[in-house]
Amino acid sequence: MPTPNPAALDFLLTRQSLPAKTFTLPVPTQDQLLPLLTAAARVPDHGKLEPWRFLVLDRAAMPRLAALAARRAQELGYDAEATGKGRAQFDAGLLAVVVVASPKPSEKIPDIEQTLSAGAVCLGLVNAATAAGWGANWLSGWPSQDRAFVTEGLGLAPHEFVAGIVHIGTAPVTPPDRPRPDLTRIVSWVAV
């Protein structure tokens, strides 16, 4: 018979991401962030490849990235709305962790499993930060998929890509919960 952990299950059943644009100071210190990163790294990782890494963006890095997003938007011919969306998370950012997918050559572990592991790291970080009492939000946006932006702004190698950018800070209020998936529409039971 399994040993339940009702507090953990209740947390997972009620957790929600909070809007990063509402976060305020304080943000986690390095000492407070390290346990969250440790928890986030405890994900399925077939072959123990560690096909991901972390880049911690503090407040001082944000203006440079916002300016780079604006410059790239202009170079790509984006309109004002796309430009604003691209730079907004950096304009408002106080602390963010970029989860970098960094696939490793492997004959046994396909790239898709390594990519899914990096995605699990993102959710693990959101859950760890939320469990520690912080507001957390997993964002991406077009700059995170723009090769020039991630190369110049984040120093990613050609084989790497951004799995997610997790913003962490103090959430002033918890908004009402949003509608959740209707399991009767998305669950199929296979008996044979």
N, C-alpha and C. Protein backbone atom coordinates (compact mmCIF):
# COMPACT_ATOMS: atom_id res chain seq x y z
N MET A 1 0.85 -1.19 0.00
CA MET A 1 0.00 0.00 0.00
C MET A 1 0.90 1.25 0.00
N PRO A 2 0.62 2.22 -0.88
CA PRO A 2 1.45 3.43 -0.91
C PRO A 2 1.30 4.27 0.35
N THR A 3 2.33 5.03 0.64
CA THR A 3 2.28 5.97 1.76
C THR A 3 1.99 7.36 1.19
N PRO A 4 0.79 7.88 1.45
CA PRO A 4 0.44 9.16 0.83
C PRO A 4 1.15 10.34 1.51
N ASN A 5 1.28 11.40 0.75
CA ASN A 5 1.77 12.68 1.27
C ASN A 5 0.71 13.72 0.93
N PRO A 6 -0.33 13.82 1.76
CA PRO A 6 -1.46 14.69 1.43
C PRO A 6 -1.07 16.15 1.23
N ALA A 7 -0.09 16.64 1.99
CA ALA A 7 0.30 18.05 1.83
C ALA A 7 0.91 18.29 0.45
N ALA A 8 1.75 17.37 0.00
CA ALA A 8 2.36 17.52 -1.33
C ALA A 8 1.31 17.43 -2.41
N LEU A 9 0.39 16.49 -2.30
CA LEU A 9 -0.66 16.34 -3.31
C LEU A 9 -1.56 17.57 -3.33
N ASP A 10 -1.92 18.08 -2.15
CA ASP A 10 -2.76 19.28 -2.09
C ASP A 10 -2.05 20.46 -2.74
N PHE A 11 -0.74 20.60 -2.49
CA PHE A 11 0.03 21.66 -3.13
C PHE A 11 -0.05 21.55 -4.65
N LEU A 12 0.18 20.34 -5.19
CA LEU A 12 0.16 20.15 -6.63
C LEU A 12 -1.23 20.38 -7.23
N LEU A 13 -2.27 20.03 -6.47
CA LEU A 13 -3.64 20.22 -6.96
C LEU A 13 -4.10 21.67 -6.92
N THR A 14 -3.42 22.50 -6.15
CA THR A 14 -3.86 23.89 -6.00
C THR A 14 -2.84 24.92 -6.48
N ARG A 15 -1.65 24.48 -6.86
CA ARG A 15 -0.61 25.44 -7.27
C ARG A 15 -1.03 26.16 -8.54
N GLN A 16 -0.57 27.38 -8.67
CA GLN A 16 -0.82 28.13 -9.89
C GLN A 16 0.34 29.08 -10.14
N SER A 17 0.58 29.34 -11.40
CA SER A 17 1.57 30.33 -11.77
C SER A 17 0.98 31.71 -11.55
N LEU A 18 1.82 32.63 -11.16
CA LEU A 18 1.37 34.00 -10.91
C LEU A 18 1.98 34.91 -11.97
N PRO A 19 1.31 36.01 -12.33
CA PRO A 19 1.82 36.88 -13.39
C PRO A 19 3.13 37.55 -13.01
N ALA A 20 4.17 37.31 -13.80
CA ALA A 20 5.50 37.84 -13.50
C ALA A 20 5.50 39.37 -13.46
N LYS A 21 4.65 40.01 -14.27
CA LYS A 21 4.65 41.48 -14.32
C LYS A 21 4.19 42.11 -13.01
N THR A 22 3.59 41.30 -12.12
CA THR A 22 3.15 41.85 -10.82
C THR A 22 4.18 41.63 -9.72
N PHE A 23 5.27 40.93 -10.00
CA PHE A 23 6.25 40.62 -8.96
C PHE A 23 6.95 41.90 -8.48
N THR A 24 7.26 41.89 -7.19
CA THR A 24 7.98 43.00 -6.58
C THR A 24 9.19 42.43 -5.83
N LEU A 25 9.97 43.34 -5.30
CA LEU A 25 11.08 42.95 -4.43
C LEU A 25 10.52 42.57 -3.07
N PRO A 26 11.18 41.73 -2.32
CA PRO A 26 12.48 41.12 -2.61
C PRO A 26 12.35 39.91 -3.55
N VAL A 27 13.50 39.51 -4.08
CA VAL A 27 13.64 38.28 -4.85
C VAL A 27 14.57 37.37 -4.06
N PRO A 28 14.62 36.10 -4.39
CA PRO A 28 15.51 35.21 -3.64
C PRO A 28 16.97 35.63 -3.76
N THR A 29 17.67 35.49 -2.65
CA THR A 29 19.12 35.68 -2.65
C THR A 29 19.75 34.45 -3.28
N GLN A 30 21.04 34.51 -3.53
CA GLN A 30 21.73 33.35 -4.09
C GLN A 30 21.56 32.14 -3.16
N ASP A 31 21.69 32.36 -1.85
CA ASP A 31 21.53 31.25 -0.90
C ASP A 31 20.11 30.69 -0.91
N GLN A 32 19.12 31.54 -1.13
CA GLN A 32 17.74 31.08 -1.20
C GLN A 32 17.43 30.41 -2.54
N LEU A 33 18.12 30.82 -3.60
CA LEU A 33 17.86 30.28 -4.93
C LEU A 33 18.49 28.90 -5.12
N LEU A 34 19.64 28.66 -4.53
CA LEU A 34 20.34 27.39 -4.75
C LEU A 34 19.50 26.16 -4.39
N PRO A 35 18.77 26.13 -3.27
CA PRO A 35 17.93 24.96 -3.01
C PRO A 35 16.81 24.79 -4.04
N LEU A 36 16.31 25.90 -4.59
CA LEU A 36 15.27 25.82 -5.61
C LEU A 36 15.83 25.21 -6.89
N LEU A 37 17.05 25.60 -7.26
CA LEU A 37 17.70 25.02 -8.43
C LEU A 37 18.02 23.55 -8.20
N THR A 38 18.41 23.21 -6.97
CA THR A 38 18.68 21.81 -6.63
C THR A 38 17.42 20.98 -6.79
N ALA A 39 16.29 21.50 -6.31
CA ALA A 39 15.02 20.79 -6.45
C ALA A 39 14.63 20.68 -7.92
N ALA A 40 14.83 21.75 -8.68
CA ALA A 40 14.46 21.74 -10.10
C ALA A 40 15.26 20.71 -10.89
N ALA A 41 16.50 20.46 -10.46
CA ALA A 41 17.36 19.52 -11.18
C ALA A 41 17.03 18.06 -10.87
N ARG A 42 16.10 17.82 -9.96
CA ARG A 42 15.70 16.45 -9.62
C ARG A 42 14.54 16.02 -10.52
N VAL A 43 14.86 15.85 -11.78
CA VAL A 43 13.86 15.48 -12.78
C VAL A 43 14.28 14.19 -13.47
N PRO A 44 13.36 13.55 -14.18
CA PRO A 44 13.77 12.40 -14.99
C PRO A 44 14.88 12.84 -15.96
N ASP A 45 15.95 12.10 -15.95
CA ASP A 45 17.11 12.41 -16.78
C ASP A 45 17.75 11.09 -17.19
N HIS A 46 17.15 10.47 -18.19
CA HIS A 46 17.62 9.16 -18.63
C HIS A 46 19.08 9.26 -19.06
N GLY A 47 19.88 8.35 -18.57
CA GLY A 47 21.30 8.34 -18.90
C GLY A 47 22.12 9.30 -18.07
N LYS A 48 21.47 10.03 -17.16
CA LYS A 48 22.16 11.02 -16.31
C LYS A 48 23.01 11.96 -17.16
N LEU A 49 22.43 12.47 -18.23
CA LEU A 49 23.15 13.35 -19.15
C LEU A 49 23.18 14.81 -18.71
N GLU A 50 22.25 15.19 -17.84
CA GLU A 50 22.08 16.60 -17.47
C GLU A 50 22.03 17.46 -18.74
N PRO A 51 20.99 17.25 -19.57
CA PRO A 51 20.91 17.97 -20.84
C PRO A 51 20.30 19.36 -20.70
N TRP A 52 20.66 20.05 -19.66
CA TRP A 52 20.16 21.39 -19.37
C TRP A 52 21.15 22.07 -18.43
N ARG A 53 21.02 23.37 -18.38
CA ARG A 53 21.82 24.17 -17.44
C ARG A 53 21.03 25.43 -17.11
N PHE A 54 21.51 26.17 -16.11
CA PHE A 54 20.81 27.36 -15.64
C PHE A 54 21.63 28.62 -15.91
N LEU A 55 20.96 29.69 -16.31
CA LEU A 55 21.53 31.04 -16.35
C LEU A 55 20.66 31.90 -15.44
N VAL A 56 21.24 32.46 -14.40
CA VAL A 56 20.49 33.31 -13.48
C VAL A 56 20.66 34.76 -13.92
N LEU A 57 19.55 35.39 -14.25
CA LEU A 57 19.55 36.78 -14.67
C LEU A 57 19.12 37.65 -13.50
N ASP A 58 20.03 38.47 -13.00
CA ASP A 58 19.60 39.37 -11.94
C ASP A 58 19.13 40.68 -12.55
N ARG A 59 18.67 41.55 -11.71
CA ARG A 59 18.05 42.79 -12.16
C ARG A 59 18.98 43.62 -13.05
N ALA A 60 20.27 43.58 -12.78
CA ALA A 60 21.23 44.37 -13.56
C ALA A 60 21.33 43.90 -15.00
N ALA A 61 21.01 42.64 -15.28
CA ALA A 61 21.10 42.10 -16.65
C ALA A 61 19.88 42.48 -17.50
N MET A 62 18.79 42.86 -16.86
CA MET A 62 17.54 43.05 -17.58
C MET A 62 17.54 44.20 -18.59
N PRO A 63 18.09 45.39 -18.27
CA PRO A 63 18.06 46.47 -19.27
C PRO A 63 18.82 46.12 -20.55
N ARG A 64 19.95 45.43 -20.43
CA ARG A 64 20.71 45.02 -21.60
C ARG A 64 19.88 44.09 -22.48
N LEU A 65 19.17 43.13 -21.86
CA LEU A 65 18.37 42.18 -22.62
C LEU A 65 17.14 42.84 -23.23
N ALA A 66 16.54 43.79 -22.51
CA ALA A 66 15.40 44.53 -23.07
C ALA A 66 15.83 45.32 -24.30
N ALA A 67 16.99 45.98 -24.22
CA ALA A 67 17.49 46.75 -25.34
C ALA A 67 17.83 45.84 -26.52
N LEU A 68 18.40 44.68 -26.24
CA LEU A 68 18.71 43.73 -27.30
C LEU A 68 17.44 43.22 -27.97
N ALA A 69 16.41 42.94 -27.17
CA ALA A 69 15.13 42.50 -27.75
C ALA A 69 14.55 43.59 -28.66
N ALA A 70 14.64 44.85 -28.23
CA ALA A 70 14.13 45.95 -29.06
C ALA A 70 14.94 46.06 -30.36
N ARG A 71 16.25 45.93 -30.27
CA ARG A 71 17.09 46.00 -31.46
C ARG A 71 16.79 44.86 -32.43
N ARG A 72 16.65 43.65 -31.89
CA ARG A 72 16.34 42.49 -32.74
C ARG A 72 14.97 42.64 -33.38
N ALA A 73 14.01 43.17 -32.64
CA ALA A 73 12.67 43.39 -33.21
C ALA A 73 12.75 44.33 -34.40
N GLN A 74 13.54 45.38 -34.25
CA GLN A 74 13.70 46.33 -35.36
C GLN A 74 14.37 45.65 -36.55
N GLU A 75 15.42 44.87 -36.29
CA GLU A 75 16.12 44.17 -37.37
C GLU A 75 15.22 43.16 -38.08
N LEU A 76 14.29 42.57 -37.33
CA LEU A 76 13.38 41.58 -37.90
C LEU A 76 12.13 42.20 -38.51
N GLY A 77 11.98 43.52 -38.35
CA GLY A 77 10.83 44.21 -38.92
C GLY A 77 9.55 44.03 -38.13
N TYR A 78 9.66 43.76 -36.84
CA TYR A 78 8.47 43.56 -36.02
C TYR A 78 7.78 44.89 -35.73
N ASP A 79 6.46 44.83 -35.52
CA ASP A 79 5.70 46.03 -35.20
C ASP A 79 5.87 46.38 -33.71
N ALA A 80 5.25 47.48 -33.31
CA ALA A 80 5.39 47.97 -31.94
C ALA A 80 4.87 46.97 -30.91
N GLU A 81 3.78 46.29 -31.25
CA GLU A 81 3.22 45.32 -30.31
C GLU A 81 4.18 44.16 -30.06
N ALA A 82 4.73 43.60 -31.12
CA ALA A 82 5.68 42.48 -30.97
C ALA A 82 6.95 42.95 -30.27
N THR A 83 7.38 44.16 -30.59
CA THR A 83 8.57 44.70 -29.93
C THR A 83 8.32 44.83 -28.44
N GLY A 84 7.17 45.39 -28.08
CA GLY A 84 6.84 45.55 -26.66
C GLY A 84 6.74 44.23 -25.93
N LYS A 85 6.12 43.25 -26.56
CA LYS A 85 6.01 41.93 -25.94
C LYS A 85 7.38 41.29 -25.78
N GLY A 86 8.25 41.49 -26.76
CA GLY A 86 9.56 40.88 -26.69
C GLY A 86 10.43 41.43 -25.58
N ARG A 87 10.30 42.70 -25.31
CA ARG A 87 11.16 43.30 -24.29
C ARG A 87 10.49 43.38 -22.92
N ALA A 88 9.18 43.18 -22.84
CA ALA A 88 8.43 43.42 -21.60
C ALA A 88 8.94 42.61 -20.41
N GLN A 89 9.21 41.30 -20.61
CA GLN A 89 9.62 40.50 -19.46
C GLN A 89 10.98 40.95 -18.92
N PHE A 90 11.81 41.56 -19.78
CA PHE A 90 13.10 42.05 -19.33
C PHE A 90 12.96 43.43 -18.71
N ASP A 91 12.07 44.26 -19.27
CA ASP A 91 11.81 45.58 -18.67
C ASP A 91 11.30 45.44 -17.24
N ALA A 92 10.42 44.46 -17.01
CA ALA A 92 9.81 44.29 -15.70
C ALA A 92 10.56 43.27 -14.83
N GLY A 93 11.53 42.57 -15.39
CA GLY A 93 12.17 41.46 -14.68
C GLY A 93 13.02 41.90 -13.50
N LEU A 94 12.90 41.17 -12.42
CA LEU A 94 13.70 41.41 -11.22
C LEU A 94 14.71 40.30 -10.99
N LEU A 95 14.31 39.08 -11.29
CA LEU A 95 15.18 37.91 -11.21
C LEU A 95 14.54 36.84 -12.09
N ALA A 96 15.33 36.23 -12.92
CA ALA A 96 14.82 35.15 -13.77
C ALA A 96 15.90 34.10 -13.93
N VAL A 97 15.45 32.87 -14.09
CA VAL A 97 16.35 31.76 -14.36
C VAL A 97 16.02 31.25 -15.75
N VAL A 98 17.01 31.31 -16.63
CA VAL A 98 16.85 30.75 -17.97
C VAL A 98 17.25 29.29 -17.88
N VAL A 99 16.32 28.42 -18.22
CA VAL A 99 16.63 26.99 -18.29
C VAL A 99 17.04 26.73 -19.74
N VAL A 100 18.32 26.42 -19.89
CA VAL A 100 18.90 26.20 -21.21
C VAL A 100 18.90 24.71 -21.50
N ALA A 101 18.22 24.32 -22.55
CA ALA A 101 18.29 22.93 -23.02
C ALA A 101 19.62 22.77 -23.73
N SER A 102 20.39 21.81 -23.27
CA SER A 102 21.74 21.60 -23.80
C SER A 102 21.91 20.11 -24.10
N PRO A 103 21.29 19.64 -25.20
CA PRO A 103 21.32 18.21 -25.51
C PRO A 103 22.74 17.68 -25.65
N LYS A 104 22.91 16.45 -25.19
CA LYS A 104 24.21 15.78 -25.26
C LYS A 104 24.14 14.66 -26.30
N PRO A 105 25.23 14.44 -27.03
CA PRO A 105 25.24 13.33 -27.98
C PRO A 105 25.03 12.01 -27.24
N SER A 106 24.09 11.21 -27.72
CA SER A 106 23.82 9.92 -27.08
C SER A 106 23.17 8.98 -28.08
N GLU A 107 23.69 7.77 -28.14
CA GLU A 107 23.07 6.75 -28.99
C GLU A 107 21.84 6.15 -28.32
N LYS A 108 21.76 6.24 -26.99
CA LYS A 108 20.67 5.61 -26.25
C LYS A 108 19.54 6.57 -25.90
N ILE A 109 19.85 7.85 -25.67
CA ILE A 109 18.84 8.80 -25.20
C ILE A 109 18.51 9.77 -26.33
N PRO A 110 17.32 9.66 -26.94
CA PRO A 110 16.97 10.55 -28.05
C PRO A 110 16.84 12.01 -27.60
N ASP A 111 17.03 12.91 -28.56
CA ASP A 111 16.94 14.34 -28.26
C ASP A 111 15.60 14.71 -27.63
N ILE A 112 14.51 14.08 -28.07
CA ILE A 112 13.20 14.45 -27.53
C ILE A 112 13.13 14.17 -26.03
N GLU A 113 13.72 13.08 -25.56
CA GLU A 113 13.73 12.81 -24.12
C GLU A 113 14.55 13.85 -23.38
N GLN A 114 15.63 14.29 -23.98
CA GLN A 114 16.45 15.31 -23.35
C GLN A 114 15.71 16.65 -23.30
N THR A 115 14.96 16.96 -24.36
CA THR A 115 14.17 18.18 -24.39
C THR A 115 13.06 18.14 -23.34
N LEU A 116 12.39 17.00 -23.24
CA LEU A 116 11.33 16.87 -22.23
C LEU A 116 11.90 16.98 -20.82
N SER A 117 13.10 16.49 -20.61
CA SER A 117 13.75 16.63 -19.31
C SER A 117 13.97 18.11 -18.99
N ALA A 118 14.39 18.90 -19.98
CA ALA A 118 14.58 20.34 -19.76
C ALA A 118 13.26 21.02 -19.42
N GLY A 119 12.17 20.59 -20.08
CA GLY A 119 10.86 21.14 -19.74
C GLY A 119 10.46 20.79 -18.32
N ALA A 120 10.78 19.57 -17.91
CA ALA A 120 10.49 19.16 -16.53
C ALA A 120 11.26 20.01 -15.53
N VAL A 121 12.47 20.42 -15.88
CA VAL A 121 13.25 21.31 -15.02
C VAL A 121 12.51 22.63 -14.83
N CYS A 122 11.95 23.16 -15.91
CA CYS A 122 11.20 24.43 -15.81
C CYS A 122 10.05 24.31 -14.82
N LEU A 123 9.24 23.26 -14.97
CA LEU A 123 8.12 23.09 -14.05
C LEU A 123 8.61 22.81 -12.64
N GLY A 124 9.68 22.03 -12.53
CA GLY A 124 10.24 21.77 -11.20
C GLY A 124 10.67 23.06 -10.51
N LEU A 125 11.24 23.99 -11.27
CA LEU A 125 11.66 25.26 -10.68
C LEU A 125 10.46 26.11 -10.27
N VAL A 126 9.44 26.14 -11.12
CA VAL A 126 8.22 26.88 -10.76
C VAL A 126 7.62 26.29 -9.48
N ASN A 127 7.52 24.98 -9.41
CA ASN A 127 6.95 24.34 -8.22
C ASN A 127 7.80 24.57 -6.98
N ALA A 128 9.12 24.47 -7.11
CA ALA A 128 10.00 24.68 -5.96
C ALA A 128 9.90 26.11 -5.45
N ALA A 129 9.91 27.08 -6.37
CA ALA A 129 9.81 28.48 -5.96
C ALA A 129 8.47 28.76 -5.30
N THR A 130 7.40 28.21 -5.87
CA THR A 130 6.07 28.41 -5.29
C THR A 130 5.98 27.76 -3.91
N ALA A 131 6.53 26.56 -3.78
CA ALA A 131 6.52 25.87 -2.48
C ALA A 131 7.30 26.64 -1.44
N ALA A 132 8.32 27.39 -1.87
CA ALA A 132 9.12 28.19 -0.95
C ALA A 132 8.48 29.53 -0.63
N GLY A 133 7.31 29.80 -1.24
CA GLY A 133 6.59 31.02 -0.92
C GLY A 133 6.77 32.17 -1.90
N TRP A 134 7.54 31.95 -2.96
CA TRP A 134 7.77 32.99 -3.96
C TRP A 134 6.70 32.91 -5.05
N GLY A 135 6.53 34.00 -5.75
CA GLY A 135 5.77 33.98 -6.98
C GLY A 135 6.68 33.46 -8.08
N ALA A 136 6.16 32.65 -8.97
CA ALA A 136 6.97 32.10 -10.06
C ALA A 136 6.13 32.01 -11.32
N ASN A 137 6.78 32.27 -12.46
CA ASN A 137 6.09 32.22 -13.74
C ASN A 137 7.08 31.79 -14.82
N TRP A 138 6.67 30.79 -15.61
CA TRP A 138 7.47 30.25 -16.70
C TRP A 138 7.05 30.95 -17.98
N LEU A 139 7.96 31.75 -18.54
CA LEU A 139 7.68 32.49 -19.76
C LEU A 139 8.64 32.07 -20.87
N SER A 140 8.34 32.51 -22.06
CA SER A 140 9.28 32.31 -23.16
C SER A 140 9.26 33.60 -23.98
N GLY A 141 8.47 33.67 -25.03
CA GLY A 141 8.42 34.85 -25.89
C GLY A 141 9.37 34.71 -27.06
N TRP A 142 9.13 35.51 -28.10
CA TRP A 142 9.91 35.35 -29.32
C TRP A 142 11.41 35.53 -29.13
N PRO A 143 11.90 36.42 -28.23
CA PRO A 143 13.36 36.52 -28.11
C PRO A 143 14.02 35.20 -27.70
N SER A 144 13.31 34.39 -26.91
CA SER A 144 13.91 33.13 -26.47
C SER A 144 14.05 32.12 -27.61
N GLN A 145 13.38 32.38 -28.74
CA GLN A 145 13.51 31.50 -29.91
C GLN A 145 14.32 32.14 -31.03
N ASP A 146 14.76 33.36 -30.81
CA ASP A 146 15.55 34.06 -31.83
C ASP A 146 17.03 33.73 -31.64
N ARG A 147 17.62 33.04 -32.61
CA ARG A 147 19.00 32.56 -32.48
C ARG A 147 19.97 33.69 -32.20
N ALA A 148 19.82 34.83 -32.87
CA ALA A 148 20.74 35.95 -32.64
C ALA A 148 20.60 36.47 -31.20
N PHE A 149 19.37 36.56 -30.70
CA PHE A 149 19.16 37.04 -29.33
C PHE A 149 19.80 36.10 -28.32
N VAL A 150 19.54 34.80 -28.45
CA VAL A 150 20.06 33.87 -27.44
C VAL A 150 21.57 33.70 -27.53
N THR A 151 22.13 33.89 -28.73
CA THR A 151 23.58 33.80 -28.88
C THR A 151 24.25 35.02 -28.27
N GLU A 152 23.80 36.20 -28.68
CA GLU A 152 24.42 37.43 -28.18
C GLU A 152 24.03 37.74 -26.74
N GLY A 153 22.75 37.61 -26.44
CA GLY A 153 22.27 38.02 -25.12
C GLY A 153 22.54 37.03 -24.02
N LEU A 154 22.48 35.73 -24.34
CA LEU A 154 22.59 34.71 -23.30
C LEU A 154 23.81 33.81 -23.46
N GLY A 155 24.53 33.95 -24.56
CA GLY A 155 25.74 33.17 -24.77
C GLY A 155 25.50 31.70 -25.04
N LEU A 156 24.36 31.36 -25.63
CA LEU A 156 24.07 29.95 -25.90
C LEU A 156 24.92 29.44 -27.05
N ALA A 157 25.33 28.19 -26.92
CA ALA A 157 26.06 27.51 -27.99
C ALA A 157 25.08 27.15 -29.10
N PRO A 158 25.58 26.89 -30.30
CA PRO A 158 24.68 26.60 -31.44
C PRO A 158 23.71 25.44 -31.21
N HIS A 159 24.08 24.45 -30.42
CA HIS A 159 23.20 23.29 -30.21
C HIS A 159 22.22 23.51 -29.06
N GLU A 160 22.33 24.63 -28.34
CA GLU A 160 21.48 24.89 -27.18
C GLU A 160 20.28 25.76 -27.56
N PHE A 161 19.24 25.68 -26.72
CA PHE A 161 18.07 26.54 -26.90
C PHE A 161 17.43 26.79 -25.54
N VAL A 162 16.57 27.79 -25.49
CA VAL A 162 15.89 28.15 -24.24
C VAL A 162 14.67 27.26 -24.07
N ALA A 163 14.65 26.50 -22.98
CA ALA A 163 13.47 25.70 -22.65
C ALA A 163 12.42 26.58 -21.97
N GLY A 164 12.87 27.54 -21.20
CA GLY A 164 11.96 28.46 -20.53
C GLY A 164 12.71 29.48 -19.72
N ILE A 165 12.04 30.57 -19.42
CA ILE A 165 12.58 31.61 -18.55
C ILE A 165 11.63 31.70 -17.37
N VAL A 166 12.14 31.35 -16.19
CA VAL A 166 11.31 31.32 -14.99
C VAL A 166 11.60 32.57 -14.17
N HIS A 167 10.61 33.45 -14.08
CA HIS A 167 10.72 34.66 -13.27
C HIS A 167 10.29 34.34 -11.85
N ILE A 168 11.04 34.86 -10.89
CA ILE A 168 10.77 34.59 -9.48
C ILE A 168 10.83 35.91 -8.72
N GLY A 169 9.85 36.13 -7.86
CA GLY A 169 9.83 37.34 -7.04
C GLY A 169 8.76 37.24 -5.98
N THR A 170 8.46 38.36 -5.38
CA THR A 170 7.40 38.43 -4.38
C THR A 170 6.10 38.76 -5.11
N ALA A 171 5.11 37.90 -4.93
CA ALA A 171 3.81 38.11 -5.56
C ALA A 171 2.93 38.89 -4.59
N PRO A 172 2.42 40.06 -5.01
CA PRO A 172 1.62 40.87 -4.10
C PRO A 172 0.28 40.25 -3.73
N VAL A 173 -0.35 39.55 -4.67
CA VAL A 173 -1.64 38.92 -4.40
C VAL A 173 -1.72 37.64 -5.21
N THR A 174 -2.56 36.74 -4.75
CA THR A 174 -2.82 35.52 -5.51
C THR A 174 -4.13 35.72 -6.25
N PRO A 175 -4.09 35.69 -7.58
CA PRO A 175 -5.32 35.89 -8.35
C PRO A 175 -6.25 34.69 -8.21
N PRO A 176 -7.51 34.86 -8.59
CA PRO A 176 -8.41 33.71 -8.58
C PRO A 176 -7.90 32.65 -9.56
N ASP A 177 -8.20 31.42 -9.24
CA ASP A 177 -7.75 30.33 -10.10
C ASP A 177 -8.46 30.41 -11.45
N ARG A 178 -7.75 29.96 -12.48
CA ARG A 178 -8.32 29.95 -13.82
C ARG A 178 -9.00 28.61 -14.06
N PRO A 179 -9.84 28.52 -15.09
CA PRO A 179 -10.45 27.22 -15.39
C PRO A 179 -9.36 26.19 -15.70
N ARG A 180 -9.58 24.98 -15.23
CA ARG A 180 -8.63 23.88 -15.42
C ARG A 180 -9.20 22.87 -16.41
N PRO A 181 -8.34 22.01 -16.97
CA PRO A 181 -8.81 21.05 -17.97
C PRO A 181 -9.93 20.15 -17.45
N ASP A 182 -10.86 19.84 -18.33
CA ASP A 182 -11.95 18.91 -18.05
C ASP A 182 -11.43 17.51 -18.36
N LEU A 183 -11.17 16.74 -17.32
CA LEU A 183 -10.58 15.42 -17.51
C LEU A 183 -11.47 14.48 -18.32
N THR A 184 -12.78 14.71 -18.31
CA THR A 184 -13.66 13.83 -19.10
C THR A 184 -13.39 13.99 -20.59
N ARG A 185 -12.79 15.11 -21.00
CA ARG A 185 -12.49 15.34 -22.42
C ARG A 185 -11.09 14.86 -22.82
N ILE A 186 -10.17 14.71 -21.85
CA ILE A 186 -8.78 14.46 -22.22
C ILE A 186 -8.23 13.14 -21.70
N VAL A 187 -9.02 12.37 -20.98
CA VAL A 187 -8.53 11.09 -20.44
C VAL A 187 -9.22 9.95 -21.16
N SER A 188 -8.42 9.03 -21.64
CA SER A 188 -8.92 7.77 -22.23
C SER A 188 -8.36 6.63 -21.42
N TRP A 189 -9.20 5.66 -21.08
CA TRP A 189 -8.77 4.50 -20.31
C TRP A 189 -8.60 3.33 -21.28
N VAL A 190 -7.42 2.76 -21.32
CA VAL A 190 -7.13 1.66 -22.22
C VAL A 190 -7.05 0.37 -21.39
N ALA A 191 -8.00 -0.54 -21.64
CA ALA A 191 -8.07 -1.76 -20.83
C ALA A 191 -7.40 -2.94 -21.52
N VAL A 192 -7.36 -2.98 -22.81
CA VAL A 192 -6.74 -4.09 -23.53
C VAL A 192 -5.77 -3.61 -24.57
